[in-house]
Protein backbone atom coordinates (compact mmCIF):
# COMPACT_ATOMS: atom_id res chain seq x y z
CA MET A 1 183.31 137.56 40.86
CA ALA A 2 182.63 138.94 44.44
CA THR A 3 184.58 140.53 47.07
CA CYS A 4 184.31 140.17 50.86
CA THR A 5 186.31 141.50 53.86
CA THR A 6 187.74 138.88 56.46
CA ALA A 7 189.41 139.94 59.41
CA GLY A 8 190.44 143.50 57.83
CA THR A 9 191.63 141.93 54.56
CA LYS A 10 189.73 142.20 51.35
CA THR A 11 189.42 138.83 49.73
CA THR A 12 188.40 138.41 46.13
CA ARG A 13 186.04 135.33 45.55
CA ASN A 14 186.34 133.97 42.09
CA TYR A 15 184.15 130.90 41.30
CA LEU A 16 182.04 129.34 38.59
CA SER A 17 178.52 130.67 40.03
CA SER A 18 175.24 129.31 38.91
CA ASP A 19 174.44 132.59 36.92
CA LYS A 20 177.98 131.99 35.14
CA LEU A 21 177.31 128.34 34.51
CA GLU A 22 173.68 129.31 33.04
CA ALA A 23 175.29 131.86 30.80
CA LEU A 24 178.00 129.32 29.60
CA SER A 25 175.40 126.43 29.14
CA SER A 26 173.19 128.77 26.98
CA ALA A 27 175.91 129.07 24.38
CA ALA A 28 176.86 125.90 22.85
CA SER A 29 180.45 126.57 23.74
CA VAL A 30 182.75 129.41 25.03
CA THR A 31 186.03 130.22 23.68
CA ASN A 32 188.52 130.09 26.70
CA LYS A 33 192.10 131.35 26.53
CA ILE A 34 194.41 128.90 28.45
CA THR A 35 197.87 129.98 29.03
CA SER A 36 200.30 127.15 28.37
CA PRO A 37 204.03 126.79 28.87
CA ARG A 38 204.26 125.73 25.01
CA ASN A 39 201.74 128.41 23.74
CA ASP A 40 200.45 131.39 25.64
CA THR A 41 197.72 131.88 22.93
CA GLU A 42 196.54 128.60 22.62
CA THR A 43 192.76 128.54 22.38
CA LYS A 44 190.63 125.66 23.36
CA LYS A 45 186.78 125.09 23.51
CA LEU A 46 185.00 124.93 26.88
CA PHE A 47 181.77 122.90 26.73
CA ILE A 48 179.40 122.97 29.42
CA PRO A 49 176.74 120.45 29.65
CA SER A 50 173.12 121.63 29.58
CA PRO A 51 169.92 119.98 29.37
CA PRO A 52 168.54 118.74 25.97
CA LYS A 53 166.17 120.96 24.09
CA PHE A 54 163.26 119.65 22.14
CA THR A 55 161.03 120.80 19.22
CA ASP A 56 159.05 117.62 19.32
CA LYS A 57 156.94 117.35 22.40
CA LEU A 58 156.31 113.59 21.90
CA GLU A 59 160.16 113.07 21.71
CA GLU A 60 160.51 115.22 24.86
CA ARG A 61 157.98 113.18 26.66
CA GLU A 62 159.76 109.62 25.98
CA TYR A 63 163.06 111.36 27.12
CA LEU A 64 161.43 112.48 30.29
CA LYS A 65 160.07 109.14 31.00
CA GLY A 66 163.32 107.70 30.52
CA ARG A 67 164.83 109.97 32.99
CA LEU A 68 162.01 109.45 35.57
CA ALA A 69 162.58 105.54 35.37
CA LEU A 70 166.27 106.33 36.07
CA ALA A 71 165.32 108.70 39.07
CA PHE A 72 163.51 105.80 40.73
CA ARG A 73 166.51 103.42 40.28
CA ILE A 74 168.67 106.27 41.85
CA PHE A 75 166.21 106.36 44.78
CA ALA A 76 166.56 102.59 45.21
CA GLN A 77 170.37 102.85 45.29
CA HIS A 78 170.17 105.44 47.92
CA GLY A 79 167.73 103.17 49.91
CA PHE A 80 164.81 105.80 49.64
CA ASP A 81 162.28 102.98 48.89
CA GLU A 82 160.04 101.61 51.74
CA GLY A 83 157.41 99.12 50.74
CA PHE A 84 155.08 100.93 48.35
CA ALA A 85 155.72 104.25 49.84
CA GLY A 86 157.29 106.95 47.79
CA HIS A 87 156.52 108.78 44.50
CA ILE A 88 158.09 110.88 41.77
CA THR A 89 156.18 112.63 38.98
CA VAL A 90 157.11 114.87 35.93
CA ARG A 91 154.69 116.98 34.13
CA ASP A 92 153.77 115.97 30.75
CA PRO A 93 155.19 118.23 28.09
CA VAL A 94 152.45 117.14 25.68
CA ASP A 95 149.60 118.10 27.99
CA PRO A 96 151.00 120.08 31.05
CA THR A 97 147.74 119.43 33.20
CA THR A 98 148.85 115.71 33.51
CA PHE A 99 151.73 114.16 34.89
CA TRP A 100 153.68 110.76 34.87
CA VAL A 101 153.92 108.72 37.99
CA ASN A 102 155.12 105.21 39.21
CA PRO A 103 152.25 102.63 39.47
CA PHE A 104 151.48 101.26 42.93
CA GLY A 105 153.76 98.31 43.80
CA VAL A 106 156.36 98.39 41.33
CA ALA A 107 159.94 98.34 42.98
CA PHE A 108 161.86 101.41 42.35
CA SER A 109 164.92 99.24 41.39
CA MET A 110 163.15 97.71 38.53
CA MET A 111 161.30 100.74 37.26
CA LYS A 112 161.06 101.19 33.48
CA SER A 113 159.62 104.08 31.29
CA SER A 114 157.04 101.58 30.17
CA ASP A 115 155.80 101.25 33.60
CA LEU A 116 154.98 104.79 34.14
CA ILE A 117 151.23 105.84 34.08
CA LEU A 118 149.77 109.09 33.00
CA VAL A 119 147.35 111.00 35.37
CA ASP A 120 145.14 114.02 35.12
CA HIS A 121 144.59 116.40 38.20
CA GLU A 122 141.22 114.53 38.82
CA GLY A 123 143.03 111.32 39.52
CA HIS A 124 142.14 109.43 36.39
CA VAL A 125 144.77 107.15 34.76
CA ILE A 126 144.71 108.20 31.19
CA GLY A 127 147.70 106.28 29.57
CA GLY A 128 150.83 104.51 30.37
CA GLY A 129 151.71 100.92 31.47
CA SER A 130 149.60 97.71 32.08
CA ASN A 131 149.65 98.38 35.89
CA ARG A 132 147.44 101.20 36.20
CA LEU A 133 146.99 101.11 40.11
CA LEU A 134 147.44 104.52 41.32
CA ASN A 135 148.80 105.48 44.73
CA THR A 136 146.12 107.72 46.17
CA ALA A 137 148.85 109.75 48.18
CA ALA A 138 150.73 110.32 45.03
CA TYR A 139 147.94 111.59 43.39
CA LEU A 140 146.82 114.09 46.14
CA ILE A 141 150.16 115.54 47.02
CA HIS A 142 151.58 115.74 43.41
CA ALA A 143 148.35 116.97 41.71
CA ALA A 144 148.11 119.79 44.40
CA VAL A 145 151.91 120.70 43.93
CA HIS A 146 151.57 120.67 40.17
CA LYS A 147 148.48 122.95 40.20
CA ALA A 148 150.05 125.24 42.70
CA ARG A 149 153.45 125.54 40.94
CA PRO A 150 153.41 125.97 37.20
CA ASP A 151 157.11 126.19 37.22
CA VAL A 152 157.73 122.69 38.82
CA VAL A 153 158.42 119.95 36.36
CA CYS A 154 159.08 117.25 38.84
CA ALA A 155 158.09 116.71 42.47
CA ALA A 156 159.93 113.78 44.59
CA HIS A 157 158.74 112.38 47.92
CA SER A 158 159.63 109.37 49.86
CA HIS A 159 160.19 108.20 53.39
CA SER A 160 164.01 108.23 53.37
CA LEU A 161 165.50 107.13 56.85
CA TYR A 162 167.37 110.12 57.92
CA GLY A 163 164.69 112.50 56.39
CA ARG A 164 161.81 110.92 58.25
CA SER A 165 163.97 110.90 61.29
CA PHE A 166 164.82 114.41 61.23
CA CYS A 167 161.09 115.32 60.44
CA ALA A 168 160.17 113.96 63.64
CA LEU A 169 161.71 117.16 65.14
CA GLY A 170 159.36 119.46 63.31
CA ARG A 171 161.81 122.13 62.55
CA PRO A 172 164.11 123.05 59.46
CA ILE A 173 167.70 122.00 59.29
CA ASP A 174 170.43 124.24 60.45
CA ILE A 175 172.83 125.81 57.86
CA ILE A 176 175.95 124.16 59.29
CA THR A 177 177.58 122.85 56.21
CA GLN A 178 178.47 124.14 52.76
CA ASP A 179 175.86 121.54 51.20
CA SER A 180 173.15 122.64 53.39
CA CYS A 181 173.44 126.37 51.95
CA VAL A 182 171.64 124.79 49.11
CA PHE A 183 168.68 125.10 51.29
CA TYR A 184 169.25 128.59 52.77
CA ASN A 185 165.96 130.42 52.76
CA ASP A 186 164.61 127.90 50.31
CA LEU A 187 163.12 125.11 52.70
CA ALA A 188 159.71 124.92 54.31
CA VAL A 189 158.41 122.92 57.14
CA TYR A 190 154.78 121.44 57.17
CA ASN A 191 154.15 121.45 60.82
CA GLN A 192 151.27 118.78 61.14
CA PHE A 193 150.75 115.14 60.53
CA LYS A 194 147.07 114.10 59.80
CA GLY A 195 147.92 110.42 58.97
CA ALA A 196 148.33 109.00 55.45
CA VAL A 197 147.22 111.75 52.67
CA LEU A 198 144.08 110.29 51.69
CA ASN A 199 142.09 113.60 51.17
CA GLU A 200 142.31 116.49 48.77
CA LYS A 201 142.77 119.19 51.73
CA GLU A 202 145.68 117.39 53.00
CA GLY A 203 147.42 117.50 49.58
CA GLU A 204 146.56 121.18 49.07
CA ASN A 205 148.00 121.97 52.62
CA ILE A 206 151.21 120.35 51.79
CA ALA A 207 151.41 122.43 48.38
CA LYS A 208 150.58 125.53 50.53
CA ALA A 209 153.36 124.76 52.83
CA ILE A 210 156.13 124.42 50.42
CA GLY A 211 154.97 127.58 48.66
CA SER A 212 157.57 128.80 46.20
CA LYS A 213 160.42 126.86 47.85
CA LYS A 214 162.33 123.87 46.48
CA ALA A 215 162.08 121.53 49.49
CA CYS A 216 159.53 120.86 52.45
CA LEU A 217 160.16 118.65 55.44
CA LEU A 218 156.84 116.98 56.18
CA GLN A 219 156.50 116.72 59.96
CA ASN A 220 156.30 112.95 61.04
CA HIS A 221 156.42 111.99 57.41
CA GLY A 222 159.28 112.65 55.19
CA ILE A 223 160.79 114.88 52.45
CA LEU A 224 159.26 116.60 49.53
CA THR A 225 161.45 118.30 46.92
CA VAL A 226 160.57 119.96 43.50
CA GLY A 227 162.44 121.02 40.49
CA GLN A 228 162.46 122.70 37.14
CA SER A 229 163.92 119.22 35.99
CA ILE A 230 163.86 115.65 37.10
CA GLU A 231 167.55 116.12 37.85
CA ALA A 232 167.10 118.99 40.18
CA ALA A 233 164.37 117.50 42.17
CA VAL A 234 166.26 114.28 42.53
CA PHE A 235 169.45 115.99 43.72
CA TRP A 236 167.75 118.14 46.06
CA PHE A 237 166.09 115.35 47.59
CA VAL A 238 169.60 113.30 47.67
CA SER A 239 171.24 116.33 49.34
CA LEU A 240 168.50 117.33 51.91
CA ASP A 241 168.57 113.56 53.17
CA LYS A 242 172.29 113.70 53.60
CA CYS A 243 171.98 117.15 55.36
CA CYS A 244 169.40 115.68 57.74
CA HIS A 245 171.73 112.81 58.68
CA GLY A 246 174.72 115.03 59.00
CA GLN A 247 172.61 117.28 61.29
CA LEU A 248 171.60 114.26 63.29
CA LEU A 249 175.09 113.33 63.70
CA ALA A 250 176.60 116.73 64.42
CA ASP A 251 173.70 117.57 67.06
CA ALA A 252 174.45 114.34 68.90
CA ALA A 253 178.25 115.14 69.03
CA ALA A 254 177.78 118.53 70.08
CA GLY A 255 175.11 117.68 72.59
CA GLY A 256 177.29 115.09 74.11
CA ARG A 257 179.94 117.61 74.93
CA GLY A 258 177.33 120.10 76.13
CA GLU A 259 177.92 122.15 73.02
CA VAL A 260 176.06 123.37 70.05
CA THR A 261 176.93 123.28 66.47
CA THR A 262 178.72 126.17 64.47
CA LYS A 263 176.24 127.89 62.22
CA ILE A 264 177.24 129.40 59.00
CA ASP A 265 176.41 133.17 58.90
CA ASP A 266 173.88 134.59 56.62
CA GLU A 267 176.19 136.60 54.32
CA ASP A 268 178.17 133.35 53.69
CA ALA A 269 175.10 131.18 53.31
CA ALA A 270 173.41 133.46 50.86
CA PHE A 271 176.78 133.86 48.94
CA THR A 272 177.19 129.91 48.66
CA TYR A 273 173.31 129.58 47.96
CA LYS A 274 173.79 131.68 44.83
CA ALA A 275 176.79 129.36 43.81
CA ILE A 276 175.08 126.07 44.32
CA GLY A 277 171.32 126.43 44.98
CA SER A 278 170.12 127.36 41.41
CA PRO A 279 167.75 125.11 39.13
CA ARG A 280 170.91 125.00 36.67
CA ALA A 281 173.12 123.73 39.49
CA GLY A 282 170.64 121.25 40.56
CA TRP A 283 170.54 119.65 37.08
CA PHE A 284 174.38 119.82 36.63
CA SER A 285 174.88 118.42 40.18
CA ALA A 286 172.81 115.31 39.48
CA LYS A 287 174.18 114.73 35.99
CA PRO A 288 176.80 112.30 37.73
CA LEU A 289 174.13 110.15 39.27
CA PHE A 290 172.23 109.73 36.19
CA ASP A 291 175.28 109.18 34.13
CA ALA A 292 176.25 106.39 36.45
CA ILE A 293 172.86 104.69 36.72
CA ALA A 294 172.60 104.68 32.91
CA GLU A 295 175.90 103.14 32.32
CA GLU A 296 175.15 100.35 34.92
CA VAL A 297 171.54 99.52 33.69
CA GLY A 298 172.02 100.02 30.04
CA ASP A 299 168.55 99.98 28.22
CA LYS A 300 166.78 98.00 30.88
CA TYR A 301 165.07 101.16 32.20
CA LYS A 302 163.39 101.88 28.79
CA HIS A 303 161.38 98.84 28.01
């Protein structure tokens, strides 16, 4: 709980923040007193969904491959596929120096866990599906990011329409909506474009640009997001693309009137970031997307 002063009035902010969600999730359940007209002492259990935990790394690997296949299908639903461009990777729990990635030329909308290929940091395909064509840019960008960021489980990059359009401006988004507060002080910009990523130096430069942040706008290129879960990286990507879209519309509307957009002040942006910008919040926010696509495709994404 937090307090703030608005127009001379002290206001109490009461919300389920990310840290509270974290605490609730770590316990299997929390006893919650609910006042009822029938029974003031009625007690119910409040269950907060949380990521599954595994003791068997091979079992965890299969689970993550399934989630990665679903992630590609979510990207397809949002129109983030563009020819053979775009890639999402997940660090292998059995051998964290390797990662799983989509093979070159397989449609996002048809991706299955059995299609995914396992790649080491030297660019060797060492396991996975029968199509073992590796996208060079996928290897060069993601290997560099996974090396530089041991905390990153998943990285996502694609040439989404609104993301790449906004990236042509070579600047960060403004914090003008509640949703954009997810990226408050947590968004980088890579201010150069040297063509398609076909050399290690460019991948390393991109990894250096994103630094410790959750997302990076690659100038003249597209969006890159990272997360401590597949779900978080996917949600950050979906959200950032929508923020880019929203700002393009808002800037056009304001500019047409000779005005500028209204920015959220730093204190309120920081407060909102704490509520919705954590890794756990990213996982939780993506859960409906993954639940819906899993319900839609059934077991098609597995084999």
